Amino acid sequence: MNDTRGRPENTRAHPRYDIRIGADVQAGDKVITAMTKNLSLGGVGLVLDRAIPEGITILVTLFVVLEDVEDSATEPFEIGARVAWCRRMGPETYEAGLAFEAMTAERQVFLGRYLALQPG
């Protein structure tokens, strides 16, 4: 179905929230530091300094950063994810969309703590 401007309506299973927290992406033996652009129970949008191949499965760790330091009071969230897409945004900036894999009810509750950080 399309919206009033002819664009497809949002068919996402989970709402996205604009949340900026730290992320480490482990692809093979490489770890790439990133920041989230948005987050949902189904996946995450990341901003990175390099491209990651579409279609691969990676390990992503999300963590809260306060004043450029990882917040030790907030436990990191670690989950496998598939890289749905990746595109260049600038000379040294990329954006990627990751779909979480093996999202259990327990992990949804844990991730909900991160979504609760959303100013509201």
C-alpha atoms as a PDB file:
ATOM      1  CA  MET A   1       0.000   0.000   0.000  1.00  0.00           C
ATOM      2  CA  ASN A   2       1.198   3.562  -0.716  1.00  0.00           C
ATOM      3  CA  ASP A   3       0.904   6.733   1.336  1.00  0.00           C
ATOM      4  CA  THR A   4      -0.658   9.928  -0.050  1.00  0.00           C
ATOM      5  CA  ARG A   5       2.583  10.811  -1.875  1.00  0.00           C
ATOM      6  CA  GLY A   6       2.806   7.459  -3.664  1.00  0.00           C
ATOM      7  CA  ARG A   7       5.554   6.051  -1.411  1.00  0.00           C
ATOM      8  CA  PRO A   8       5.193   2.603   0.150  1.00  0.00           C
ATOM      9  CA  GLU A   9       3.763   2.719   3.669  1.00  0.00           C
ATOM     10  CA  ASN A  10       6.054   1.690   6.506  1.00  0.00           C
ATOM     11  CA  THR A  11       5.684  -2.069   6.857  1.00  0.00           C
ATOM     12  CA  ARG A  12       8.295  -2.496   9.597  1.00  0.00           C
ATOM     13  CA  ALA A  13       7.450  -4.962  12.337  1.00  0.00           C
ATOM     14  CA  HIS A  14       8.994  -2.721  15.034  1.00  0.00           C
ATOM     15  CA  PRO A  15       9.107   1.062  15.395  1.00  0.00           C
ATOM     16  CA  ARG A  16      12.534   2.706  15.055  1.00  0.00           C
ATOM     17  CA  TYR A  17      13.854   5.138  17.649  1.00  0.00           C
ATOM     18  CA  ASP A  18      16.496   7.781  16.998  1.00  0.00           C
ATOM     19  CA  ILE A  19      19.038   6.730  19.612  1.00  0.00           C
ATOM     20  CA  ARG A  20      22.771   7.512  19.598  1.00  0.00           C
ATOM     21  CA  ILE A  21      24.813   4.916  21.462  1.00  0.00           C
ATOM     22  CA  GLY A  22      28.128   3.225  20.759  1.00  0.00           C
ATOM     23  CA  ALA A  23      28.456   0.027  18.764  1.00  0.00           C
ATOM     24  CA  ASP A  24      31.223  -2.423  17.924  1.00  0.00           C
ATOM     25  CA  VAL A  25      30.794  -4.515  14.798  1.00  0.00           C
ATOM     26  CA  GLN A  26      32.826  -7.709  14.611  1.00  0.00           C
ATOM     27  CA  ALA A  27      33.102  -8.986  11.052  1.00  0.00           C
ATOM     28  CA  GLY A  28      35.535 -11.882  10.944  1.00  0.00           C
ATOM     29  CA  ASP A  29      38.729 -10.804  12.708  1.00  0.00           C
ATOM     30  CA  LYS A  30      37.990  -7.067  12.325  1.00  0.00           C
ATOM     31  CA  VAL A  31      36.215  -4.892  14.889  1.00  0.00           C
ATOM     32  CA  ILE A  32      34.734  -1.646  13.602  1.00  0.00           C
ATOM     33  CA  THR A  33      33.615   1.078  15.999  1.00  0.00           C
ATOM     34  CA  ALA A  34      30.336   2.752  15.064  1.00  0.00           C
ATOM     35  CA  MET A  35      27.443   4.804  16.433  1.00  0.00           C
ATOM     36  CA  THR A  36      23.794   3.954  16.155  1.00  0.00           C
ATOM     37  CA  LYS A  37      21.553   6.135  14.043  1.00  0.00           C
ATOM     38  CA  ASN A  38      18.381   4.365  15.071  1.00  0.00           C
ATOM     39  CA  LEU A  39      17.380   1.267  16.973  1.00  0.00           C
ATOM     40  CA  SER A  40      14.399  -1.076  17.100  1.00  0.00           C
ATOM     41  CA  LEU A  41      13.623  -4.520  18.455  1.00  0.00           C
ATOM     42  CA  GLY A  42      14.288  -5.877  14.960  1.00  0.00           C
ATOM     43  CA  GLY A  43      17.553  -4.175  14.052  1.00  0.00           C
ATOM     44  CA  VAL A  44      19.799  -1.157  14.111  1.00  0.00           C
ATOM     45  CA  GLY A  45      20.977   1.570  11.766  1.00  0.00           C
ATOM     46  CA  LEU A  46      24.674   2.353  12.125  1.00  0.00           C
ATOM     47  CA  VAL A  47      27.047   5.108  11.044  1.00  0.00           C
ATOM     48  CA  LEU A  48      30.576   3.752  10.402  1.00  0.00           C
ATOM     49  CA  ASP A  49      33.880   4.920   8.954  1.00  0.00           C
ATOM     50  CA  ARG A  50      34.078   2.029   6.468  1.00  0.00           C
ATOM     51  CA  ALA A  51      31.796  -0.225   4.481  1.00  0.00           C
ATOM     52  CA  ILE A  52      30.724  -3.666   5.626  1.00  0.00           C
ATOM     53  CA  PRO A  53      29.628  -6.256   3.060  1.00  0.00           C
ATOM     54  CA  GLU A  54      25.897  -6.705   2.568  1.00  0.00           C
ATOM     55  CA  GLY A  55      24.470 -10.123   3.376  1.00  0.00           C
ATOM     56  CA  ILE A  56      27.096 -11.211   5.896  1.00  0.00           C
ATOM     57  CA  THR A  57      26.305 -12.155   9.479  1.00  0.00           C
ATOM     58  CA  ILE A  58      28.248 -10.208  12.084  1.00  0.00           C
ATOM     59  CA  LEU A  59      28.329  -9.780  15.851  1.00  0.00           C
ATOM     60  CA  VAL A  60      27.212  -6.352  17.052  1.00  0.00           C
ATOM     61  CA  THR A  61      27.681  -5.009  20.587  1.00  0.00           C
ATOM     62  CA  LEU A  62      25.737  -1.926  21.688  1.00  0.00           C
ATOM     63  CA  PHE A  63      26.902   0.120  24.657  1.00  0.00           C
ATOM     64  CA  VAL A  64      26.057   3.428  26.294  1.00  0.00           C
ATOM     65  CA  VAL A  65      28.720   6.137  26.081  1.00  0.00           C
ATOM     66  CA  LEU A  66      28.862   9.033  28.546  1.00  0.00           C
ATOM     67  CA  GLU A  67      31.364  11.842  27.889  1.00  0.00           C
ATOM     68  CA  ASP A  68      33.257   9.698  25.338  1.00  0.00           C
ATOM     69  CA  VAL A  69      33.665   6.787  27.784  1.00  0.00           C
ATOM     70  CA  GLU A  70      31.689   3.528  27.875  1.00  0.00           C
ATOM     71  CA  ASP A  71      29.220   3.595  30.768  1.00  0.00           C
ATOM     72  CA  SER A  72      30.272   0.765  33.082  1.00  0.00           C
ATOM     73  CA  ALA A  73      26.904   0.871  34.875  1.00  0.00           C
ATOM     74  CA  THR A  74      25.022  -0.246  31.747  1.00  0.00           C
ATOM     75  CA  GLU A  75      25.620  -3.791  30.518  1.00  0.00           C
ATOM     76  CA  PRO A  76      26.413  -4.025  26.785  1.00  0.00           C
ATOM     77  CA  PHE A  77      23.916  -5.721  24.464  1.00  0.00           C
ATOM     78  CA  GLU A  78      25.470  -8.313  22.145  1.00  0.00           C
ATOM     79  CA  ILE A  79      23.658 -10.080  19.300  1.00  0.00           C
ATOM     80  CA  GLY A  80      24.228 -11.591  15.876  1.00  0.00           C
ATOM     81  CA  ALA A  81      22.913  -9.558  12.961  1.00  0.00           C
ATOM     82  CA  ARG A  82      22.738  -9.724   9.179  1.00  0.00           C
ATOM     83  CA  VAL A  83      23.913  -6.713   7.174  1.00  0.00           C
ATOM     84  CA  ALA A  84      20.807  -5.849   5.121  1.00  0.00           C
ATOM     85  CA  TRP A  85      22.408  -2.909   3.303  1.00  0.00           C
ATOM     86  CA  CYS A  86      25.379  -0.547   3.417  1.00  0.00           C
ATOM     87  CA  ARG A  87      25.938   2.706   1.514  1.00  0.00           C
ATOM     88  CA  ARG A  88      28.431   5.566   1.381  1.00  0.00           C
ATOM     89  CA  MET A  89      27.220   8.779   2.996  1.00  0.00           C
ATOM     90  CA  GLY A  90      30.380  10.873   2.628  1.00  0.00           C
ATOM     91  CA  PRO A  91      34.114  10.575   1.943  1.00  0.00           C
ATOM     92  CA  GLU A  92      34.739   8.577   5.129  1.00  0.00           C
ATOM     93  CA  THR A  93      31.210   7.879   6.322  1.00  0.00           C
ATOM     94  CA  TYR A  94      28.987   4.879   5.680  1.00  0.00           C
ATOM     95  CA  GLU A  95      25.549   3.926   6.872  1.00  0.00           C
ATOM     96  CA  ALA A  96      24.391   0.340   7.336  1.00  0.00           C
ATOM     97  CA  GLY A  97      21.156  -1.380   8.276  1.00  0.00           C
ATOM     98  CA  LEU A  98      21.419  -4.548  10.358  1.00  0.00           C
ATOM     99  CA  ALA A  99      18.651  -7.069  11.064  1.00  0.00           C
ATOM    100  CA  PHE A 100      19.003  -8.807  14.425  1.00  0.00           C
ATOM    101  CA  GLU A 101      19.045 -12.609  14.466  1.00  0.00           C
ATOM    102  CA  ALA A 102      17.922 -14.957  17.266  1.00  0.00           C
ATOM    103  CA  MET A 103      15.959 -12.246  19.083  1.00  0.00           C
ATOM    104  CA  THR A 104      14.496 -14.010  22.113  1.00  0.00           C
ATOM    105  CA  ALA A 105      11.910 -12.602  24.516  1.00  0.00           C
ATOM    106  CA  GLU A 106      14.676 -12.204  27.109  1.00  0.00           C
ATOM    107  CA  ARG A 107      16.801 -10.220  24.638  1.00  0.00           C
ATOM    108  CA  GLN A 108      13.794  -8.047  23.735  1.00  0.00           C
ATOM    109  CA  VAL A 109      13.377  -7.123  27.407  1.00  0.00           C
ATOM    110  CA  PHE A 110      17.089  -6.349  27.702  1.00  0.00           C
ATOM    111  CA  LEU A 111      17.071  -4.260  24.511  1.00  0.00           C
ATOM    112  CA  GLY A 112      13.990  -2.460  25.793  1.00  0.00           C
ATOM    113  CA  ARG A 113      16.246  -0.926  28.453  1.00  0.00           C
ATOM    114  CA  TYR A 114      18.211   0.773  25.681  1.00  0.00           C
ATOM    115  CA  LEU A 115      14.991   1.954  24.025  1.00  0.00           C
ATOM    116  CA  ALA A 116      13.904   3.382  27.390  1.00  0.00           C
ATOM    117  CA  LEU A 117      16.880   5.765  27.092  1.00  0.00           C
ATOM    118  CA  GLN A 118      14.921   7.473  24.311  1.00  0.00           C
ATOM    119  CA  PRO A 119      13.967  10.966  25.545  1.00  0.00           C
ATOM    120  CA  GLY A 120      10.285  11.067  25.679  1.00  0.00           C
END
